[in-house]
Amino acid sequence: MTPETEAELIEFVAGAAAPLAVCGGGTRGFEVAGETLSTRGLTGVELYEPGALTLVARAGTPVREIEALLAQSGQRLAFEPMDHRGLLATGGEPTIGGVFAANVSGPRRIQCGAARDFLLGVRFVDGTGQVVKNGGRVMKNVTGYDLVKLMAGAHGTLGVLSEVSFKVLPIPEAQATVRIADVDLAVAVRVMSAALGSPYDVSGVAYDPDIRSAHIRVEGFAGSVGYRADRLSSELARFGSAEQVDGSAELWRGICDVAAFHGREGDVWRISVKPSDAVALADQLQAEALQFDWGGGLVWALVAKDTDLRARMAVPGHATLVRGSAETRARLRQFQPQPAPLAAISAGLRAKFDPRGILNPGLMG
């Protein structure tokens, strides 16, 4: 089912007699029981006010169309959403509703926040077929419950997004990346911590163990970027060889999309931990390949198929199975099991917004 209007979406959800597998553009590869209900037919930008840094779009609008429109006014999606297609070997087209439903956020999260922090308002159809609206089209809106944040990351289990309004930011004039080469993970964590604790407003901090290099990104006005990159190169040189690299934009696109894992066999896990635990975690995972983002707080791990990576973790963290067979997903569950109190709250919310239990059942608990 692919509704092209909100009225059709209401009709499909209200009339559903069996579970619905809710998705956007189909790029994430979710396998949920039920008839597929895609929002990719709900397309179009409803409102764009560059001066107010706000945009309102239907949930199925392709991300590339929104990025192209924003670029015409020198603006962008600041939270740098990942494109999962290369990692998951999927087709489809990333949609703006899918981005917010999964709270997809890239390397720039450490500087400006996650996708959910830019979401101003939502319209969605709940499991009973009722339209719910929350938030607004401006940055200051404090009316009612914050369902906006609740929907970001709910993966369609509470309702099907039909419209989103969100904040955008200007494209910076310049960017530069400083590489600290020939360092191991323990030193890299110190490098990344020093960069994040510096006054230079870094917008990306990652480590690639394959080439033993930490990467630090700065963005902004050209003069400021040049000054900050020079200062970082000078101050971080105590850890290893420091240099500014060419192709900064392409480098960070690859980090964002985990390009190092594309085309490689094995399961892929996404793990959130304290950056200070990254070294211990790396030893525990016994992974075939690793990538570290967010100063070491986000770890991507490539492991042999059907590996229970959570069983290897001895540090507190949150592990999500991003790529694996249907059998592995069924056995291990895609999302980290929640503690009992939080699981009870989540179940209560699902019962409230989807009393029939038809929206992506079993996906998140």
Protein backbone atom coordinates (compact mmCIF):
# COMPACT_ATOMS: atom_id res chain seq x y z
CA MET A 1 0.00 0.00 0.00
CA THR A 2 1.32 3.41 -1.00
CA PRO A 3 -1.08 6.22 -0.08
CA GLU A 4 -0.66 9.49 -1.93
CA THR A 5 -2.69 11.63 0.47
CA GLU A 6 -3.15 11.76 4.21
CA ALA A 7 -6.80 10.83 3.70
CA GLU A 8 -5.74 7.62 1.96
CA LEU A 9 -3.25 6.92 4.74
CA ILE A 10 -6.03 7.27 7.30
CA GLU A 11 -8.23 4.92 5.30
CA PHE A 12 -5.51 2.27 5.01
CA VAL A 13 -4.62 2.33 8.71
CA ALA A 14 -8.20 2.51 10.00
CA GLY A 15 -9.29 -0.32 7.72
CA ALA A 16 -6.34 -2.60 8.42
CA ALA A 17 -7.40 -6.02 9.69
CA ALA A 18 -3.83 -7.32 10.04
CA PRO A 19 -0.40 -5.96 10.94
CA LEU A 20 1.22 -3.29 8.76
CA ALA A 21 4.93 -3.12 7.92
CA VAL A 22 5.41 0.65 7.94
CA CYS A 23 8.34 2.04 5.96
CA GLY A 24 9.51 5.10 4.07
CA GLY A 25 11.64 4.61 1.00
CA GLY A 26 12.62 1.04 1.86
CA THR A 27 16.35 1.69 2.29
CA ARG A 28 16.74 0.29 5.81
CA GLY A 29 15.95 -3.33 5.00
CA PHE A 30 13.58 -3.89 7.92
CA GLU A 31 11.74 -7.19 7.83
CA VAL A 32 8.45 -6.87 9.72
CA ALA A 33 5.45 -9.14 9.47
CA GLY A 34 2.46 -7.63 7.70
CA GLU A 35 1.44 -5.87 4.52
CA THR A 36 3.85 -3.12 3.53
CA LEU A 37 2.59 0.42 4.05
CA SER A 38 5.02 2.90 2.49
CA THR A 39 4.88 6.68 2.84
CA ARG A 40 6.88 7.27 -0.35
CA GLY A 41 3.71 8.46 -2.13
CA LEU A 42 3.29 11.35 0.33
CA THR A 43 5.65 13.76 -1.40
CA GLY A 44 6.10 17.48 -1.72
CA VAL A 45 7.38 20.49 0.18
CA GLU A 46 4.49 22.32 1.82
CA LEU A 47 6.39 25.36 3.04
CA TYR A 48 9.95 26.62 2.90
CA GLU A 49 11.01 29.86 4.54
CA PRO A 50 14.78 30.31 4.15
CA GLY A 51 14.76 33.44 6.27
CA ALA A 52 13.14 31.56 9.14
CA LEU A 53 15.35 28.48 8.62
CA THR A 54 12.27 26.23 8.53
CA LEU A 55 10.86 23.73 6.06
CA VAL A 56 7.65 21.68 6.06
CA ALA A 57 7.44 18.57 3.89
CA ARG A 58 5.33 15.50 3.47
CA ALA A 59 6.94 12.43 4.98
CA GLY A 60 7.66 10.61 1.73
CA THR A 61 9.60 13.45 0.13
CA PRO A 62 13.04 12.18 -0.97
CA VAL A 63 15.93 13.53 1.05
CA ARG A 64 17.85 14.35 -2.15
CA GLU A 65 15.03 16.66 -3.28
CA ILE A 66 15.04 18.48 0.03
CA GLU A 67 18.82 18.81 0.01
CA ALA A 68 18.72 20.17 -3.55
CA LEU A 69 16.08 22.73 -2.59
CA LEU A 70 18.00 23.82 0.48
CA ALA A 71 21.24 24.14 -1.48
CA GLN A 72 19.62 26.71 -3.75
CA SER A 73 19.37 28.99 -0.71
CA GLY A 74 22.74 28.02 0.72
CA GLN A 75 21.24 25.83 3.43
CA ARG A 76 21.41 22.17 4.49
CA LEU A 77 20.25 19.44 6.87
CA ALA A 78 22.74 20.12 9.63
CA PHE A 79 22.43 16.71 11.32
CA GLU A 80 24.02 14.99 8.31
CA PRO A 81 21.73 11.95 7.78
CA MET A 82 23.34 8.69 6.76
CA ASP A 83 22.44 6.92 3.50
CA HIS A 84 22.12 3.22 4.41
CA ARG A 85 21.95 1.84 0.88
CA GLY A 86 25.64 1.16 0.41
CA LEU A 87 26.01 -0.52 3.79
CA LEU A 88 22.86 -2.63 3.47
CA ALA A 89 22.98 -3.21 -0.31
CA THR A 90 19.39 -1.99 -0.60
CA GLY A 91 17.59 0.11 -3.19
CA GLY A 92 14.82 2.59 -2.66
CA GLU A 93 15.11 6.26 -1.86
CA PRO A 94 15.73 7.79 1.58
CA THR A 95 12.75 9.90 2.67
CA ILE A 96 12.64 12.76 5.12
CA GLY A 97 9.98 10.98 7.17
CA GLY A 98 12.14 7.89 7.37
CA VAL A 99 15.09 9.98 8.53
CA PHE A 100 13.12 11.41 11.43
CA ALA A 101 11.28 8.18 12.24
CA ALA A 102 14.67 6.50 12.75
CA ASN A 103 16.40 9.62 14.15
CA VAL A 104 19.20 9.15 11.60
CA SER A 105 22.10 11.40 12.56
CA GLY A 106 25.66 11.60 11.27
CA PRO A 107 29.09 12.78 12.47
CA ARG A 108 27.92 16.37 13.02
CA ARG A 109 25.71 15.25 15.90
CA ILE A 110 28.49 16.00 18.37
CA GLN A 111 28.32 19.68 17.41
CA CYS A 112 24.71 20.50 16.54
CA GLY A 113 22.61 17.61 17.83
CA ALA A 114 20.61 14.74 16.39
CA ALA A 115 17.81 14.76 13.83
CA ARG A 116 15.25 14.88 16.66
CA ASP A 117 16.73 18.18 17.86
CA PHE A 118 15.81 19.83 14.55
CA LEU A 119 12.27 18.46 14.37
CA LEU A 120 9.75 21.23 15.11
CA GLY A 121 6.41 19.57 14.41
CA VAL A 122 4.78 16.39 13.17
CA ARG A 123 1.53 15.10 11.75
CA PHE A 124 0.95 11.37 11.98
CA VAL A 125 -1.77 8.77 11.82
CA ASP A 126 -1.93 6.58 14.93
CA GLY A 127 -2.91 2.93 15.06
CA THR A 128 -6.61 3.75 15.27
CA GLY A 129 -6.56 5.84 12.09
CA GLN A 130 -6.72 9.17 13.90
CA VAL A 131 -4.60 12.17 12.85
CA VAL A 132 -2.39 13.56 15.59
CA LYS A 133 -0.59 16.88 15.28
CA ASN A 134 2.04 18.18 17.66
CA GLY A 135 4.58 20.99 17.61
CA GLY A 136 4.57 23.74 15.06
CA ARG A 137 6.42 25.49 12.28
CA VAL A 138 8.56 27.75 14.43
CA MET A 139 11.46 27.08 16.76
CA LYS A 140 9.59 28.20 19.91
CA ASN A 141 6.61 25.98 20.53
CA VAL A 142 5.81 24.73 24.03
CA THR A 143 2.18 23.69 23.75
CA GLY A 144 1.07 20.21 24.74
CA TYR A 145 3.11 17.05 25.19
CA ASP A 146 6.35 16.67 23.27
CA LEU A 147 5.17 14.02 20.83
CA VAL A 148 7.62 15.48 18.33
CA LYS A 149 10.58 14.03 20.21
CA LEU A 150 8.65 10.85 20.94
CA MET A 151 8.09 10.14 17.24
CA ALA A 152 11.76 10.66 16.40
CA GLY A 153 13.29 7.22 16.73
CA ALA A 154 9.99 5.34 17.18
CA HIS A 155 10.46 3.62 13.80
CA GLY A 156 6.77 3.81 12.93
CA THR A 157 5.61 1.85 15.99
CA LEU A 158 3.51 4.70 17.42
CA GLY A 159 2.14 6.18 14.23
CA VAL A 160 2.77 6.75 10.55
CA LEU A 161 4.27 10.16 9.83
CA SER A 162 2.49 12.15 7.15
CA GLU A 163 4.18 15.55 7.55
CA VAL A 164 7.24 16.94 9.30
CA SER A 165 8.43 20.46 9.94
CA PHE A 166 12.03 21.08 10.86
CA LYS A 167 14.82 23.57 11.27
CA VAL A 168 17.67 23.89 8.76
CA LEU A 169 20.99 25.72 8.92
CA PRO A 170 23.26 27.58 6.46
CA ILE A 171 25.95 25.72 4.53
CA PRO A 172 29.31 26.84 5.96
CA GLU A 173 31.66 28.74 3.71
CA ALA A 174 34.52 26.29 4.22
CA GLN A 175 35.58 23.13 5.99
CA ALA A 176 38.90 21.49 6.81
CA THR A 177 40.00 18.20 8.30
CA VAL A 178 43.08 17.60 10.43
CA ARG A 179 44.47 14.07 10.44
CA ILE A 180 46.53 12.70 13.31
CA ALA A 181 48.33 9.75 11.75
CA ASP A 182 49.94 6.60 13.09
CA VAL A 183 48.09 6.41 16.41
CA ASP A 184 46.42 3.42 18.07
CA LEU A 185 42.92 3.54 19.50
CA ALA A 186 44.01 4.43 23.03
CA VAL A 187 45.91 7.47 21.77
CA ALA A 188 43.14 8.29 19.29
CA VAL A 189 40.60 8.53 22.13
CA ARG A 190 42.88 11.03 23.84
CA VAL A 191 43.23 12.96 20.56
CA MET A 192 39.47 13.05 20.03
CA SER A 193 38.80 14.05 23.63
CA ALA A 194 41.33 16.87 23.36
CA ALA A 195 39.70 18.09 20.14
CA LEU A 196 36.22 17.99 21.64
CA GLY A 197 37.45 19.83 24.72
CA SER A 198 39.15 22.52 22.68
CA PRO A 199 37.62 25.95 21.94
CA TYR A 200 37.73 25.31 18.18
CA ASP A 201 34.13 24.14 17.68
CA VAL A 202 34.86 20.90 15.86
CA SER A 203 32.04 19.32 13.84
CA GLY A 204 33.41 15.80 13.35
CA VAL A 205 35.74 13.56 15.35
CA ALA A 206 36.37 10.01 14.10
CA TYR A 207 39.00 7.26 14.09
CA ASP A 208 39.80 4.73 11.38
CA PRO A 209 41.80 1.81 12.83
CA ASP A 210 42.58 0.42 9.37
CA ILE A 211 44.82 3.41 8.66
CA ARG A 212 45.50 4.26 12.32
CA SER A 213 44.32 7.85 11.85
CA ALA A 214 42.07 10.20 13.81
CA HIS A 215 40.19 12.86 11.83
CA ILE A 216 39.05 16.22 13.22
CA ARG A 217 36.73 18.47 11.17
CA VAL A 218 36.06 22.19 11.52
CA GLU A 219 33.54 24.24 9.50
CA GLY A 220 32.55 27.88 9.18
CA PHE A 221 33.89 31.06 7.60
CA ALA A 222 37.06 30.49 5.60
CA GLY A 223 39.29 32.64 7.78
CA SER A 224 38.05 31.03 10.97
CA VAL A 225 38.37 27.52 9.54
CA GLY A 226 41.96 28.15 8.49
CA TYR A 227 42.87 29.50 11.91
CA ARG A 228 41.19 26.69 13.85
CA ALA A 229 42.65 23.97 11.62
CA ASP A 230 46.13 25.42 12.09
CA ARG A 231 45.69 25.59 15.85
CA LEU A 232 44.41 22.02 16.03
CA SER A 233 47.31 20.80 13.90
CA SER A 234 49.74 22.50 16.23
CA GLU A 235 48.15 21.47 19.50
CA LEU A 236 47.42 17.86 18.53
CA ALA A 237 50.87 17.24 17.02
CA ARG A 238 52.03 16.05 20.43
CA PHE A 239 50.03 12.86 19.84
CA GLY A 240 51.34 12.04 16.37
CA SER A 241 51.92 13.35 12.87
CA ALA A 242 49.37 16.12 12.19
CA GLU A 243 48.39 17.35 8.75
CA GLN A 244 45.43 18.88 6.94
CA VAL A 245 43.98 16.56 4.30
CA ASP A 246 42.40 17.14 0.91
CA GLY A 247 38.89 15.97 0.04
CA SER A 248 37.37 16.73 3.43
CA ALA A 249 33.76 16.54 2.23
CA GLU A 250 34.26 13.15 0.57
CA LEU A 251 36.10 11.81 3.62
CA TRP A 252 33.22 12.66 5.97
CA ARG A 253 30.59 11.37 3.55
CA GLY A 254 32.38 8.05 3.71
CA ILE A 255 32.55 8.14 7.51
CA CYS A 256 28.87 9.05 7.72
CA ASP A 257 27.81 6.18 5.41
CA VAL A 258 30.35 3.70 6.87
CA ALA A 259 31.79 3.26 3.38
CA ALA A 260 34.64 1.13 4.73
CA PHE A 261 32.17 -1.73 5.27
CA HIS A 262 30.46 -1.55 1.87
CA GLY A 263 30.62 -4.79 -0.07
CA ARG A 264 32.19 -6.74 2.79
CA GLU A 265 30.69 -9.96 4.13
CA GLY A 266 29.42 -10.18 7.70
CA ASP A 267 26.93 -8.66 10.10
CA VAL A 268 27.11 -4.98 11.02
CA TRP A 269 26.38 -3.62 14.50
CA ARG A 270 26.04 -0.03 15.67
CA ILE A 271 27.10 0.46 19.29
CA SER A 272 26.79 3.50 21.57
CA VAL A 273 29.13 3.65 24.56
CA LYS A 274 31.02 6.16 26.63
CA PRO A 275 34.07 7.26 24.62
CA SER A 276 36.26 6.30 27.55
CA ASP A 277 35.05 2.69 27.16
CA ALA A 278 35.93 2.47 23.46
CA VAL A 279 39.33 0.81 23.99
CA ALA A 280 38.00 -1.89 26.32
CA LEU A 281 35.04 -2.48 24.01
CA ALA A 282 37.24 -2.91 20.95
CA ASP A 283 39.15 -5.70 22.69
CA GLN A 284 35.91 -7.42 23.73
CA LEU A 285 34.21 -7.36 20.33
CA GLN A 286 36.81 -9.39 18.42
CA ALA A 287 35.47 -7.71 15.27
CA GLU A 288 36.77 -8.11 11.75
CA ALA A 289 36.62 -4.34 11.26
CA LEU A 290 35.74 -1.30 13.36
CA GLN A 291 34.99 2.39 12.82
CA PHE A 292 34.75 4.99 15.57
CA ASP A 293 32.72 8.21 15.38
CA TRP A 294 31.45 10.82 17.86
CA GLY A 295 34.79 10.90 19.64
CA GLY A 296 34.67 7.15 20.22
CA GLY A 297 31.08 7.11 21.49
CA LEU A 298 29.68 5.54 18.31
CA VAL A 299 31.27 2.27 17.22
CA TRP A 300 30.51 0.43 13.99
CA ALA A 301 31.52 -3.23 14.07
CA LEU A 302 31.74 -5.77 11.26
CA VAL A 303 31.65 -9.34 12.59
CA ALA A 304 31.11 -12.86 11.33
CA LYS A 305 27.54 -13.73 10.43
CA ASP A 306 25.18 -14.78 13.23
CA THR A 307 27.46 -13.39 15.97
CA ASP A 308 25.80 -12.36 19.24
CA LEU A 309 27.84 -9.23 19.75
CA ARG A 310 25.92 -8.19 22.86
CA ALA A 311 27.15 -11.32 24.63
CA ARG A 312 30.73 -10.15 24.11
CA MET A 313 30.18 -6.67 25.57
CA ALA A 314 31.35 -6.23 29.15
CA VAL A 315 30.95 -2.44 29.23
CA PRO A 316 27.64 -0.55 29.44
CA GLY A 317 26.32 0.25 26.00
CA HIS A 318 23.57 -0.01 23.45
CA ALA A 319 24.04 -2.34 20.46
CA THR A 320 21.78 -2.38 17.40
CA LEU A 321 21.98 -5.06 14.72
CA VAL A 322 22.00 -2.98 11.54
CA ARG A 323 22.77 -5.72 9.02
CA GLY A 324 22.14 -9.41 9.43
CA SER A 325 20.03 -12.27 8.12
CA ALA A 326 16.35 -12.62 8.97
CA GLU A 327 17.22 -15.59 11.17
CA THR A 328 19.85 -13.59 13.07
CA ARG A 329 17.45 -10.69 13.55
CA ALA A 330 14.77 -13.03 14.85
CA ARG A 331 17.16 -14.73 17.27
CA LEU A 332 19.01 -11.69 18.58
CA ARG A 333 16.44 -8.93 17.97
CA GLN A 334 17.50 -5.85 16.10
CA PHE A 335 17.28 -3.37 18.96
CA GLN A 336 18.91 -3.58 22.38
CA PRO A 337 16.50 -5.10 24.94
CA GLN A 338 15.26 -2.40 27.30
CA PRO A 339 15.47 -2.53 31.11
CA ALA A 340 12.15 -3.65 32.61
CA PRO A 341 10.98 -0.18 33.79
CA LEU A 342 11.70 1.41 30.39
CA ALA A 343 10.15 -1.55 28.56
CA ALA A 344 6.97 -1.08 30.57
CA ILE A 345 6.81 2.60 29.64
CA SER A 346 7.41 1.79 25.97
CA ALA A 347 4.71 -0.87 25.99
CA GLY A 348 2.30 1.59 27.59
CA LEU A 349 2.98 4.18 24.89
CA ARG A 350 2.45 1.64 22.13
CA ALA A 351 -0.81 0.53 23.75
CA LYS A 352 -1.95 4.16 23.84
CA PHE A 353 -1.10 5.10 20.27
CA ASP A 354 -1.54 1.69 18.66
CA PRO A 355 -4.03 -0.26 20.80
CA ARG A 356 -4.53 -2.89 18.10
CA GLY A 357 -0.78 -3.52 17.84
CA ILE A 358 -0.72 -3.30 14.04
CA LEU A 359 2.13 -0.83 13.40
CA ASN A 360 5.49 -2.57 12.90
CA PRO A 361 4.65 -5.16 15.57
CA GLY A 362 7.66 -6.67 17.32
CA LEU A 363 10.16 -4.28 15.76
CA MET A 364 11.13 -2.49 18.96
CA GLY A 365 9.84 -4.83 21.65
